[in-house]
Amino acid sequence: MITPLLFGSLGFWEITIIALVVLLLFGGKKIPELMRGLGKGVKNFKEGMKDVESDVKEIKKDIESEK
């Protein structure tokens, strides 16, 4: 049986160990900064995707109006 590669195959103890390792590597003060940066990155990515979608819709509308 094939298991998913994301969190579906990780149990409670595996996630706990990963969280502890991250805490030891980055420290308690750096984690909020890292999460804030990650959140900003996701927000920018979503905005970029919306821009691309609107551009595609605009181009499609232009093509249909030429026909």
N, C-alpha and C. Protein backbone atom coordinates (compact mmCIF):
# COMPACT_ATOMS: atom_id res chain seq x y z
N MET A 1 0.84 -1.19 0.00
CA MET A 1 0.00 0.00 0.00
C MET A 1 0.88 1.24 0.00
N ILE A 2 0.51 2.23 -0.80
CA ILE A 2 1.27 3.47 -0.89
C ILE A 2 0.71 4.46 0.12
N THR A 3 1.62 5.03 0.93
CA THR A 3 1.19 6.02 1.91
C THR A 3 1.46 7.41 1.38
N PRO A 4 0.63 8.39 1.77
CA PRO A 4 0.86 9.76 1.31
C PRO A 4 2.18 10.30 1.87
N LEU A 5 2.81 11.19 1.13
CA LEU A 5 4.09 11.72 1.55
C LEU A 5 3.99 12.90 2.50
N LEU A 6 2.79 13.43 2.67
CA LEU A 6 2.64 14.58 3.54
C LEU A 6 2.36 14.12 4.97
N PHE A 7 1.56 14.81 5.70
CA PHE A 7 1.34 14.53 7.11
C PHE A 7 0.50 13.28 7.37
N GLY A 8 -0.08 12.70 6.35
CA GLY A 8 -0.90 11.52 6.53
C GLY A 8 -0.14 10.32 7.07
N SER A 9 1.16 10.25 6.78
CA SER A 9 1.94 9.11 7.23
C SER A 9 2.69 9.38 8.53
N LEU A 10 2.60 10.60 9.06
CA LEU A 10 3.28 10.93 10.30
C LEU A 10 2.32 10.80 11.48
N GLY A 11 2.83 10.21 12.54
CA GLY A 11 2.03 10.07 13.76
C GLY A 11 2.32 11.21 14.72
N PHE A 12 1.70 11.12 15.88
CA PHE A 12 1.84 12.16 16.89
C PHE A 12 3.29 12.30 17.33
N TRP A 13 3.96 11.19 17.59
CA TRP A 13 5.33 11.25 18.11
C TRP A 13 6.31 11.77 17.07
N GLU A 14 6.10 11.45 15.81
CA GLU A 14 6.98 11.95 14.77
C GLU A 14 6.87 13.47 14.64
N ILE A 15 5.63 13.97 14.69
CA ILE A 15 5.42 15.41 14.60
C ILE A 15 6.01 16.11 15.82
N THR A 16 5.86 15.51 16.99
CA THR A 16 6.42 16.07 18.23
C THR A 16 7.94 16.15 18.14
N ILE A 17 8.58 15.11 17.66
CA ILE A 17 10.04 15.10 17.54
C ILE A 17 10.50 16.16 16.53
N ILE A 18 9.79 16.28 15.41
CA ILE A 18 10.14 17.29 14.42
C ILE A 18 10.01 18.69 15.01
N ALA A 19 8.93 18.93 15.77
CA ALA A 19 8.72 20.24 16.40
C ALA A 19 9.84 20.55 17.40
N LEU A 20 10.26 19.56 18.16
CA LEU A 20 11.35 19.77 19.12
C LEU A 20 12.66 20.07 18.43
N VAL A 21 12.93 19.38 17.34
CA VAL A 21 14.16 19.63 16.59
C VAL A 21 14.15 21.04 16.02
N VAL A 22 13.02 21.47 15.47
CA VAL A 22 12.91 22.83 14.94
C VAL A 22 13.11 23.84 16.06
N LEU A 23 12.52 23.58 17.20
CA LEU A 23 12.67 24.48 18.35
C LEU A 23 14.12 24.57 18.78
N LEU A 24 14.82 23.44 18.80
CA LEU A 24 16.24 23.44 19.19
C LEU A 24 17.11 24.16 18.15
N LEU A 25 16.80 23.98 16.87
CA LEU A 25 17.62 24.59 15.82
C LEU A 25 17.43 26.10 15.75
N PHE A 26 16.20 26.56 15.81
CA PHE A 26 15.93 27.98 15.58
C PHE A 26 15.71 28.77 16.87
N GLY A 27 15.35 28.12 17.94
CA GLY A 27 15.09 28.83 19.18
C GLY A 27 13.68 29.40 19.21
N GLY A 28 13.21 29.70 20.38
CA GLY A 28 11.84 30.17 20.55
C GLY A 28 11.57 31.54 19.96
N LYS A 29 12.59 32.39 19.88
CA LYS A 29 12.38 33.75 19.39
C LYS A 29 12.35 33.81 17.87
N LYS A 30 13.01 32.90 17.20
CA LYS A 30 13.07 32.94 15.73
C LYS A 30 11.84 32.32 15.08
N ILE A 31 11.17 31.42 15.74
CA ILE A 31 10.04 30.71 15.12
C ILE A 31 8.92 31.67 14.72
N PRO A 32 8.49 32.62 15.57
CA PRO A 32 7.45 33.56 15.11
C PRO A 32 7.87 34.36 13.89
N GLU A 33 9.15 34.75 13.83
CA GLU A 33 9.64 35.48 12.66
C GLU A 33 9.58 34.61 11.41
N LEU A 34 9.95 33.35 11.55
CA LEU A 34 9.90 32.44 10.41
C LEU A 34 8.47 32.23 9.94
N MET A 35 7.55 32.07 10.87
CA MET A 35 6.14 31.85 10.50
C MET A 35 5.55 33.11 9.86
N ARG A 36 5.94 34.27 10.36
CA ARG A 36 5.46 35.53 9.78
C ARG A 36 5.95 35.65 8.34
N GLY A 37 7.21 35.33 8.11
CA GLY A 37 7.76 35.37 6.75
C GLY A 37 7.08 34.36 5.85
N LEU A 38 6.80 33.18 6.38
CA LEU A 38 6.10 32.17 5.60
C LEU A 38 4.69 32.64 5.23
N GLY A 39 4.01 33.26 6.18
CA GLY A 39 2.67 33.79 5.92
C GLY A 39 2.67 34.87 4.85
N LYS A 40 3.66 35.75 4.91
CA LYS A 40 3.76 36.81 3.89
C LYS A 40 4.05 36.19 2.52
N GLY A 41 4.87 35.16 2.50
CA GLY A 41 5.16 34.50 1.23
C GLY A 41 3.94 33.86 0.62
N VAL A 42 3.14 33.19 1.45
CA VAL A 42 1.91 32.56 0.96
C VAL A 42 0.94 33.62 0.47
N LYS A 43 0.84 34.72 1.19
CA LYS A 43 -0.06 35.82 0.79
C LYS A 43 0.36 36.38 -0.56
N ASN A 44 1.65 36.61 -0.74
CA ASN A 44 2.14 37.14 -2.02
C ASN A 44 1.90 36.14 -3.15
N PHE A 45 2.06 34.87 -2.87
CA PHE A 45 1.81 33.85 -3.88
C PHE A 45 0.35 33.85 -4.31
N LYS A 46 -0.56 33.93 -3.35
CA LYS A 46 -1.99 33.96 -3.67
C LYS A 46 -2.34 35.21 -4.48
N GLU A 47 -1.79 36.35 -4.11
CA GLU A 47 -2.04 37.58 -4.86
C GLU A 47 -1.52 37.45 -6.29
N GLY A 48 -0.36 36.85 -6.44
CA GLY A 48 0.20 36.63 -7.77
C GLY A 48 -0.68 35.71 -8.61
N MET A 49 -1.22 34.68 -7.99
CA MET A 49 -2.11 33.76 -8.71
C MET A 49 -3.39 34.48 -9.14
N LYS A 50 -3.92 35.35 -8.29
CA LYS A 50 -5.12 36.12 -8.66
C LYS A 50 -4.82 37.05 -9.83
N ASP A 51 -3.63 37.66 -9.81
CA ASP A 51 -3.25 38.54 -10.92
C ASP A 51 -3.16 37.76 -12.22
N VAL A 52 -2.56 36.58 -12.17
CA VAL A 52 -2.43 35.76 -13.38
C VAL A 52 -3.81 35.34 -13.88
N GLU A 53 -4.69 34.95 -12.96
CA GLU A 53 -6.05 34.55 -13.36
C GLU A 53 -6.79 35.72 -14.01
N SER A 54 -6.65 36.91 -13.44
CA SER A 54 -7.34 38.06 -14.03
C SER A 54 -6.76 38.40 -15.40
N ASP A 55 -5.44 38.25 -15.56
CA ASP A 55 -4.83 38.50 -16.87
C ASP A 55 -5.33 37.50 -17.90
N VAL A 56 -5.43 36.24 -17.50
CA VAL A 56 -5.91 35.20 -18.42
C VAL A 56 -7.36 35.48 -18.82
N LYS A 57 -8.19 35.87 -17.86
CA LYS A 57 -9.59 36.18 -18.18
C LYS A 57 -9.68 37.38 -19.12
N GLU A 58 -8.84 38.38 -18.89
CA GLU A 58 -8.84 39.57 -19.74
C GLU A 58 -8.41 39.22 -21.17
N ILE A 59 -7.39 38.41 -21.31
CA ILE A 59 -6.93 37.99 -22.62
C ILE A 59 -7.99 37.16 -23.33
N LYS A 60 -8.63 36.28 -22.57
CA LYS A 60 -9.71 35.45 -23.15
C LYS A 60 -10.84 36.32 -23.64
N LYS A 61 -11.19 37.35 -22.85
CA LYS A 61 -12.27 38.27 -23.23
C LYS A 61 -11.90 39.02 -24.50
N ASP A 62 -10.63 39.46 -24.60
CA ASP A 62 -10.17 40.16 -25.79
C ASP A 62 -10.24 39.28 -27.03
N ILE A 63 -9.84 38.03 -26.88
CA ILE A 63 -9.87 37.09 -28.00
C ILE A 63 -11.30 36.84 -28.46
N GLU A 64 -12.22 36.67 -27.49
CA GLU A 64 -13.61 36.42 -27.84
C GLU A 64 -14.25 37.65 -28.49
N SER A 65 -13.84 38.84 -28.06
CA SER A 65 -14.43 40.05 -28.65
C SER A 65 -13.92 40.28 -30.07
N GLU A 66 -12.73 39.78 -30.41
CA GLU A 66 -12.20 39.92 -31.77
C GLU A 66 -12.93 39.00 -32.75
N LYS A 67 -13.46 37.90 -32.25
CA LYS A 67 -14.17 36.95 -33.13
C LYS A 67 -15.49 37.52 -33.44
